[in-house]
Amino acid sequence: MTINLTDQDKLTLRIAAWGAVSLMSAAGAAGSAHKVATEGSIALTSATGPVGHVLTKAPKGIKYGKSVADLADQVLPALTESVSLLKQQDPAEADNFRRTVTVALDAAARIHEGEPSPTLAEMARKINEALDAA
C-alpha cells in the first residue's frame, strides 16, 4: 500500500518523533542529555520504509518552547496525530512509526546502567500513552 503524506503530515511526524527524543533528553540525568539525544537520534535515522524516509531529517525551524511542559504540549498530541494519520492510510506504517519511536525511547533509556531513572521512565510512559491514544 502506498501512503501519501503532505508536507504538513511529514512535519507532524518529524515533530512527534524528534520531539519524543527531545523529551527523553530533557528528562535525562545531568550530563546524560547529550547521550540520550544521540542514542534516540540514531534510532530515528535507522528507521525504514516511508516513515524512515520522513524521519531522516529533523524538523527545521520549530520552536519547542522554553520548558519541558511547552515541548510536551506540542509533541504528545503530534504523536497521537501521527499514528492516527498513518493508520488511515496504512496500518502497517502506523505500527512502523510506533515501533520506531519505541526503539528510540528504549535506546535513550538504555544509556543508564540498570533501569532508567524514574524521570526517564515516566517520560517514556507519557510518550507511549500518546502513541497508544490514536
N, C-alpha and C. Protein backbone atom coordinates (compact mmCIF):
# COMPACT_ATOMS: atom_id res chain seq x y z
N MET A 1 0.84 -1.18 0.00
CA MET A 1 0.00 0.00 0.00
C MET A 1 0.88 1.25 0.00
N THR A 2 0.54 2.21 -0.82
CA THR A 2 1.28 3.45 -0.90
C THR A 2 0.64 4.49 0.00
N ILE A 3 1.47 5.24 0.70
CA ILE A 3 0.91 6.31 1.52
C ILE A 3 1.27 7.65 0.90
N ASN A 4 0.36 8.57 1.03
CA ASN A 4 0.56 9.93 0.53
C ASN A 4 0.55 10.88 1.71
N LEU A 5 1.71 11.42 2.00
CA LEU A 5 1.84 12.35 3.12
C LEU A 5 2.07 13.75 2.58
N THR A 6 1.30 14.69 3.07
CA THR A 6 1.50 16.08 2.71
C THR A 6 2.74 16.60 3.46
N ASP A 7 3.20 17.76 3.07
CA ASP A 7 4.33 18.37 3.79
C ASP A 7 3.98 18.58 5.26
N GLN A 8 2.72 18.95 5.53
CA GLN A 8 2.28 19.15 6.91
C GLN A 8 2.29 17.82 7.67
N ASP A 9 1.85 16.72 7.02
CA ASP A 9 1.89 15.39 7.64
C ASP A 9 3.32 15.01 8.01
N LYS A 10 4.24 15.25 7.08
CA LYS A 10 5.65 14.92 7.32
C LYS A 10 6.20 15.74 8.49
N LEU A 11 5.84 17.00 8.54
CA LEU A 11 6.27 17.85 9.65
C LEU A 11 5.73 17.34 10.97
N THR A 12 4.47 16.92 10.98
CA THR A 12 3.85 16.37 12.20
C THR A 12 4.61 15.13 12.66
N LEU A 13 4.94 14.22 11.74
CA LEU A 13 5.70 13.02 12.08
C LEU A 13 7.07 13.38 12.64
N ARG A 14 7.73 14.36 12.02
CA ARG A 14 9.06 14.76 12.50
C ARG A 14 8.98 15.41 13.87
N ILE A 15 8.00 16.28 14.06
CA ILE A 15 7.84 16.92 15.38
C ILE A 15 7.59 15.85 16.44
N ALA A 16 6.75 14.88 16.11
CA ALA A 16 6.40 13.82 17.06
C ALA A 16 7.62 12.99 17.44
N ALA A 17 8.29 12.44 16.44
CA ALA A 17 9.40 11.52 16.71
C ALA A 17 10.62 12.24 17.30
N TRP A 18 11.06 13.30 16.65
CA TRP A 18 12.23 14.03 17.14
C TRP A 18 11.91 14.73 18.46
N GLY A 19 10.67 15.17 18.61
CA GLY A 19 10.25 15.77 19.87
C GLY A 19 10.24 14.77 21.01
N ALA A 20 9.88 13.52 20.71
CA ALA A 20 9.91 12.47 21.74
C ALA A 20 11.34 12.27 22.24
N VAL A 21 12.29 12.28 21.31
CA VAL A 21 13.70 12.16 21.71
C VAL A 21 14.10 13.37 22.55
N SER A 22 13.64 14.55 22.17
CA SER A 22 13.95 15.76 22.94
C SER A 22 13.36 15.69 24.34
N LEU A 23 12.14 15.15 24.45
CA LEU A 23 11.53 14.98 25.78
C LEU A 23 12.35 14.03 26.64
N MET A 24 12.80 12.94 26.04
CA MET A 24 13.62 11.98 26.80
C MET A 24 14.94 12.63 27.20
N SER A 25 15.50 13.42 26.31
CA SER A 25 16.75 14.11 26.63
C SER A 25 16.56 15.08 27.78
N ALA A 26 15.44 15.81 27.76
CA ALA A 26 15.14 16.76 28.83
C ALA A 26 14.94 16.05 30.16
N ALA A 27 14.44 14.82 30.11
CA ALA A 27 14.18 14.06 31.33
C ALA A 27 15.40 13.29 31.81
N GLY A 28 16.47 13.30 31.02
CA GLY A 28 17.68 12.57 31.38
C GLY A 28 18.40 13.20 32.55
N ALA A 29 19.23 12.41 33.19
CA ALA A 29 20.03 12.90 34.32
C ALA A 29 21.06 13.91 33.83
N ALA A 30 21.49 14.75 34.72
CA ALA A 30 22.51 15.76 34.38
C ALA A 30 23.71 15.06 33.75
N GLY A 31 24.19 15.61 32.66
CA GLY A 31 25.34 15.03 31.99
C GLY A 31 25.00 13.94 30.99
N SER A 32 23.78 13.43 31.02
CA SER A 32 23.42 12.35 30.11
C SER A 32 22.50 12.81 28.98
N ALA A 33 22.06 14.06 29.00
CA ALA A 33 21.11 14.54 27.99
C ALA A 33 21.66 14.36 26.58
N HIS A 34 22.94 14.65 26.39
CA HIS A 34 23.55 14.51 25.07
C HIS A 34 23.55 13.04 24.63
N LYS A 35 23.90 12.14 25.53
CA LYS A 35 23.92 10.70 25.21
C LYS A 35 22.51 10.21 24.88
N VAL A 36 21.53 10.66 25.64
CA VAL A 36 20.14 10.28 25.39
C VAL A 36 19.73 10.74 23.99
N ALA A 37 20.03 12.00 23.67
CA ALA A 37 19.68 12.55 22.36
C ALA A 37 20.40 11.81 21.24
N THR A 38 21.66 11.48 21.44
CA THR A 38 22.42 10.76 20.42
C THR A 38 21.84 9.39 20.15
N GLU A 39 21.59 8.62 21.20
CA GLU A 39 21.04 7.28 21.03
C GLU A 39 19.66 7.31 20.39
N GLY A 40 18.82 8.24 20.82
CA GLY A 40 17.49 8.38 20.24
C GLY A 40 17.54 8.78 18.78
N SER A 41 18.46 9.69 18.44
CA SER A 41 18.61 10.15 17.06
C SER A 41 19.08 9.03 16.15
N ILE A 42 20.00 8.22 16.63
CA ILE A 42 20.47 7.08 15.84
C ILE A 42 19.31 6.15 15.53
N ALA A 43 18.46 5.91 16.51
CA ALA A 43 17.30 5.04 16.29
C ALA A 43 16.37 5.64 15.23
N LEU A 44 16.12 6.94 15.28
CA LEU A 44 15.21 7.55 14.31
C LEU A 44 15.79 7.51 12.91
N THR A 45 17.07 7.79 12.77
CA THR A 45 17.67 7.80 11.44
C THR A 45 17.93 6.40 10.90
N SER A 46 17.70 5.38 11.73
CA SER A 46 17.82 3.99 11.29
C SER A 46 16.48 3.40 10.86
N ALA A 47 15.43 4.19 10.91
CA ALA A 47 14.10 3.71 10.53
C ALA A 47 14.06 3.39 9.05
N THR A 48 13.15 2.51 8.68
CA THR A 48 13.00 2.09 7.29
C THR A 48 11.58 2.39 6.80
N GLY A 49 11.34 2.12 5.53
CA GLY A 49 10.02 2.33 4.95
C GLY A 49 9.72 3.80 4.78
N PRO A 50 8.48 4.11 4.43
CA PRO A 50 8.09 5.51 4.26
C PRO A 50 8.38 6.36 5.50
N VAL A 51 8.15 5.80 6.68
CA VAL A 51 8.44 6.53 7.92
C VAL A 51 9.93 6.85 8.01
N GLY A 52 10.76 5.89 7.65
CA GLY A 52 12.20 6.11 7.68
C GLY A 52 12.63 7.24 6.76
N HIS A 53 12.00 7.31 5.58
CA HIS A 53 12.33 8.40 4.65
C HIS A 53 11.96 9.76 5.25
N VAL A 54 10.86 9.82 5.97
CA VAL A 54 10.43 11.09 6.58
C VAL A 54 11.33 11.46 7.75
N LEU A 55 11.69 10.48 8.57
CA LEU A 55 12.41 10.78 9.81
C LEU A 55 13.91 10.98 9.64
N THR A 56 14.42 10.83 8.42
CA THR A 56 15.85 11.06 8.22
C THR A 56 16.23 12.49 8.53
N LYS A 57 15.27 13.39 8.45
CA LYS A 57 15.53 14.81 8.73
C LYS A 57 14.78 15.24 9.98
N ALA A 58 15.48 15.95 10.84
CA ALA A 58 14.82 16.57 12.00
C ALA A 58 14.01 17.77 11.49
N PRO A 59 12.96 18.14 12.21
CA PRO A 59 12.17 19.30 11.76
C PRO A 59 12.99 20.58 11.86
N LYS A 60 12.87 21.41 10.85
CA LYS A 60 13.61 22.68 10.82
C LYS A 60 12.71 23.83 11.25
N GLY A 61 13.28 24.77 11.99
CA GLY A 61 12.57 25.99 12.33
C GLY A 61 11.47 25.84 13.36
N ILE A 62 11.46 24.75 14.08
CA ILE A 62 10.42 24.52 15.08
C ILE A 62 10.88 25.10 16.41
N LYS A 63 10.01 25.83 17.05
CA LYS A 63 10.28 26.38 18.38
C LYS A 63 9.52 25.51 19.38
N TYR A 64 10.25 24.77 20.18
CA TYR A 64 9.63 23.86 21.14
C TYR A 64 9.21 24.55 22.43
N GLY A 65 9.54 25.80 22.62
CA GLY A 65 9.15 26.49 23.85
C GLY A 65 10.29 26.58 24.82
N LYS A 66 9.97 27.11 25.99
CA LYS A 66 11.01 27.38 26.98
C LYS A 66 11.05 26.36 28.11
N SER A 67 10.12 25.42 28.11
CA SER A 67 10.10 24.45 29.19
C SER A 67 9.75 23.07 28.63
N VAL A 68 9.98 22.07 29.44
CA VAL A 68 9.61 20.71 29.06
C VAL A 68 8.09 20.63 28.87
N ALA A 69 7.35 21.36 29.69
CA ALA A 69 5.88 21.36 29.55
C ALA A 69 5.47 21.93 28.19
N ASP A 70 6.14 23.00 27.73
CA ASP A 70 5.85 23.56 26.41
C ASP A 70 6.14 22.53 25.31
N LEU A 71 7.26 21.85 25.44
CA LEU A 71 7.64 20.82 24.48
C LEU A 71 6.60 19.70 24.46
N ALA A 72 6.22 19.23 25.64
CA ALA A 72 5.24 18.16 25.74
C ALA A 72 3.89 18.57 25.15
N ASP A 73 3.52 19.83 25.31
CA ASP A 73 2.25 20.33 24.75
C ASP A 73 2.21 20.20 23.23
N GLN A 74 3.35 20.26 22.57
CA GLN A 74 3.41 20.11 21.12
C GLN A 74 3.62 18.66 20.71
N VAL A 75 4.51 17.96 21.40
CA VAL A 75 4.95 16.64 20.97
C VAL A 75 3.91 15.55 21.26
N LEU A 76 3.34 15.53 22.44
CA LEU A 76 2.42 14.44 22.77
C LEU A 76 1.21 14.40 21.84
N PRO A 77 0.56 15.54 21.55
CA PRO A 77 -0.54 15.48 20.57
C PRO A 77 -0.05 15.11 19.16
N ALA A 78 1.16 15.53 18.80
CA ALA A 78 1.70 15.18 17.48
C ALA A 78 1.94 13.68 17.36
N LEU A 79 2.33 13.04 18.45
CA LEU A 79 2.49 11.58 18.44
C LEU A 79 1.17 10.89 18.15
N THR A 80 0.13 11.31 18.85
CA THR A 80 -1.20 10.72 18.64
C THR A 80 -1.68 10.98 17.21
N GLU A 81 -1.52 12.21 16.76
CA GLU A 81 -1.95 12.58 15.40
C GLU A 81 -1.17 11.79 14.35
N SER A 82 0.11 11.58 14.56
CA SER A 82 0.93 10.84 13.60
C SER A 82 0.45 9.41 13.44
N VAL A 83 0.22 8.73 14.56
CA VAL A 83 -0.27 7.35 14.49
C VAL A 83 -1.63 7.31 13.82
N SER A 84 -2.48 8.26 14.15
CA SER A 84 -3.82 8.31 13.59
C SER A 84 -3.79 8.51 12.07
N LEU A 85 -3.01 9.46 11.60
CA LEU A 85 -2.99 9.72 10.16
C LEU A 85 -2.35 8.57 9.39
N LEU A 86 -1.36 7.92 9.98
CA LEU A 86 -0.76 6.76 9.33
C LEU A 86 -1.72 5.57 9.32
N LYS A 87 -2.45 5.37 10.41
CA LYS A 87 -3.45 4.29 10.47
C LYS A 87 -4.46 4.40 9.35
N GLN A 88 -4.88 5.63 9.04
CA GLN A 88 -5.87 5.86 8.00
C GLN A 88 -5.36 5.42 6.63
N GLN A 89 -4.07 5.55 6.40
CA GLN A 89 -3.52 5.23 5.09
C GLN A 89 -2.91 3.84 5.02
N ASP A 90 -2.23 3.43 6.08
CA ASP A 90 -1.55 2.14 6.06
C ASP A 90 -1.24 1.72 7.51
N PRO A 91 -2.08 0.84 8.08
CA PRO A 91 -1.87 0.42 9.47
C PRO A 91 -0.47 -0.14 9.75
N ALA A 92 0.12 -0.79 8.76
CA ALA A 92 1.47 -1.33 8.95
C ALA A 92 2.48 -0.19 9.14
N GLU A 93 2.29 0.90 8.43
CA GLU A 93 3.19 2.05 8.57
C GLU A 93 2.96 2.75 9.91
N ALA A 94 1.73 2.73 10.41
CA ALA A 94 1.46 3.26 11.75
C ALA A 94 2.22 2.43 12.78
N ASP A 95 2.22 1.11 12.60
CA ASP A 95 2.97 0.24 13.51
C ASP A 95 4.47 0.50 13.39
N ASN A 96 4.94 0.73 12.16
CA ASN A 96 6.35 1.03 11.94
C ASN A 96 6.74 2.31 12.68
N PHE A 97 5.91 3.34 12.59
CA PHE A 97 6.17 4.59 13.29
C PHE A 97 6.21 4.36 14.81
N ARG A 98 5.21 3.66 15.32
CA ARG A 98 5.14 3.39 16.76
C ARG A 98 6.38 2.62 17.22
N ARG A 99 6.76 1.59 16.46
CA ARG A 99 7.95 0.80 16.83
C ARG A 99 9.22 1.65 16.76
N THR A 100 9.32 2.50 15.74
CA THR A 100 10.50 3.35 15.59
C THR A 100 10.64 4.28 16.80
N VAL A 101 9.57 4.91 17.21
CA VAL A 101 9.63 5.80 18.36
C VAL A 101 9.92 5.00 19.62
N THR A 102 9.34 3.82 19.75
CA THR A 102 9.59 2.98 20.92
C THR A 102 11.05 2.56 20.99
N VAL A 103 11.64 2.21 19.86
CA VAL A 103 13.06 1.85 19.83
C VAL A 103 13.91 3.06 20.24
N ALA A 104 13.53 4.25 19.76
CA ALA A 104 14.26 5.46 20.15
C ALA A 104 14.17 5.69 21.66
N LEU A 105 13.00 5.45 22.24
CA LEU A 105 12.84 5.59 23.69
C LEU A 105 13.70 4.59 24.43
N ASP A 106 13.66 3.33 23.96
CA ASP A 106 14.45 2.28 24.60
C ASP A 106 15.95 2.57 24.50
N ALA A 107 16.37 3.05 23.32
CA ALA A 107 17.79 3.38 23.13
C ALA A 107 18.19 4.53 24.04
N ALA A 108 17.32 5.52 24.16
CA ALA A 108 17.61 6.67 25.02
C ALA A 108 17.68 6.26 26.48
N ALA A 109 16.78 5.40 26.91
CA ALA A 109 16.75 4.97 28.31
C ALA A 109 17.88 4.01 28.64
N ARG A 110 18.42 3.35 27.64
CA ARG A 110 19.42 2.32 27.84
C ARG A 110 20.78 2.87 28.27
N ILE A 111 21.01 4.16 28.09
CA ILE A 111 22.32 4.70 28.42
C ILE A 111 22.63 4.61 29.92
N HIS A 112 21.60 4.38 30.70
CA HIS A 112 21.79 4.24 32.15
C HIS A 112 22.06 2.78 32.49
N GLU A 113 22.96 2.56 33.40
CA GLU A 113 23.21 1.21 33.88
C GLU A 113 21.97 0.74 34.64
N GLY A 114 21.53 -0.47 34.36
CA GLY A 114 20.34 -0.97 35.04
C GLY A 114 19.09 -0.30 34.51
N GLU A 115 18.19 0.04 35.40
CA GLU A 115 16.92 0.64 35.00
C GLU A 115 17.07 2.14 34.79
N PRO A 116 16.22 2.70 33.89
CA PRO A 116 16.26 4.15 33.70
C PRO A 116 15.79 4.86 34.97
N SER A 117 16.16 6.12 35.06
CA SER A 117 15.73 6.91 36.21
C SER A 117 14.21 7.00 36.23
N PRO A 118 13.62 7.28 37.39
CA PRO A 118 12.17 7.45 37.45
C PRO A 118 11.67 8.54 36.51
N THR A 119 12.45 9.59 36.33
CA THR A 119 12.04 10.68 35.44
C THR A 119 11.99 10.21 33.99
N LEU A 120 13.02 9.48 33.55
CA LEU A 120 13.02 8.94 32.20
C LEU A 120 11.90 7.93 32.01
N ALA A 121 11.69 7.07 32.99
CA ALA A 121 10.63 6.06 32.90
C ALA A 121 9.25 6.73 32.79
N GLU A 122 9.04 7.77 33.53
CA GLU A 122 7.75 8.48 33.49
C GLU A 122 7.55 9.18 32.14
N MET A 123 8.62 9.78 31.62
CA MET A 123 8.50 10.44 30.32
C MET A 123 8.21 9.40 29.24
N ALA A 124 8.87 8.26 29.29
CA ALA A 124 8.61 7.19 28.33
C ALA A 124 7.16 6.72 28.42
N ARG A 125 6.64 6.64 29.64
CA ARG A 125 5.25 6.23 29.83
C ARG A 125 4.31 7.23 29.16
N LYS A 126 4.55 8.51 29.34
CA LYS A 126 3.71 9.55 28.74
C LYS A 126 3.75 9.48 27.22
N ILE A 127 4.94 9.26 26.68
CA ILE A 127 5.09 9.17 25.23
C ILE A 127 4.35 7.94 24.70
N ASN A 128 4.52 6.81 25.36
CA ASN A 128 3.81 5.59 24.94
C ASN A 128 2.30 5.74 25.04
N GLU A 129 1.86 6.44 26.06
CA GLU A 129 0.43 6.71 26.22
C GLU A 129 -0.09 7.54 25.03
N ALA A 130 0.67 8.53 24.61
CA ALA A 130 0.28 9.35 23.46
C ALA A 130 0.26 8.52 22.18
N LEU A 131 1.24 7.63 22.01
CA LEU A 131 1.27 6.76 20.84
C LEU A 131 0.06 5.84 20.80
N ASP A 132 -0.37 5.37 21.95
CA ASP A 132 -1.47 4.42 22.03
C ASP A 132 -2.85 5.09 22.01
N ALA A 133 -2.89 6.40 22.10
CA ALA A 133 -4.18 7.12 22.17
C ALA A 133 -4.90 7.19 20.83
N ALA A 134 -4.19 6.91 19.75
CA ALA A 134 -4.79 7.02 18.40
C ALA A 134 -5.74 5.89 18.12
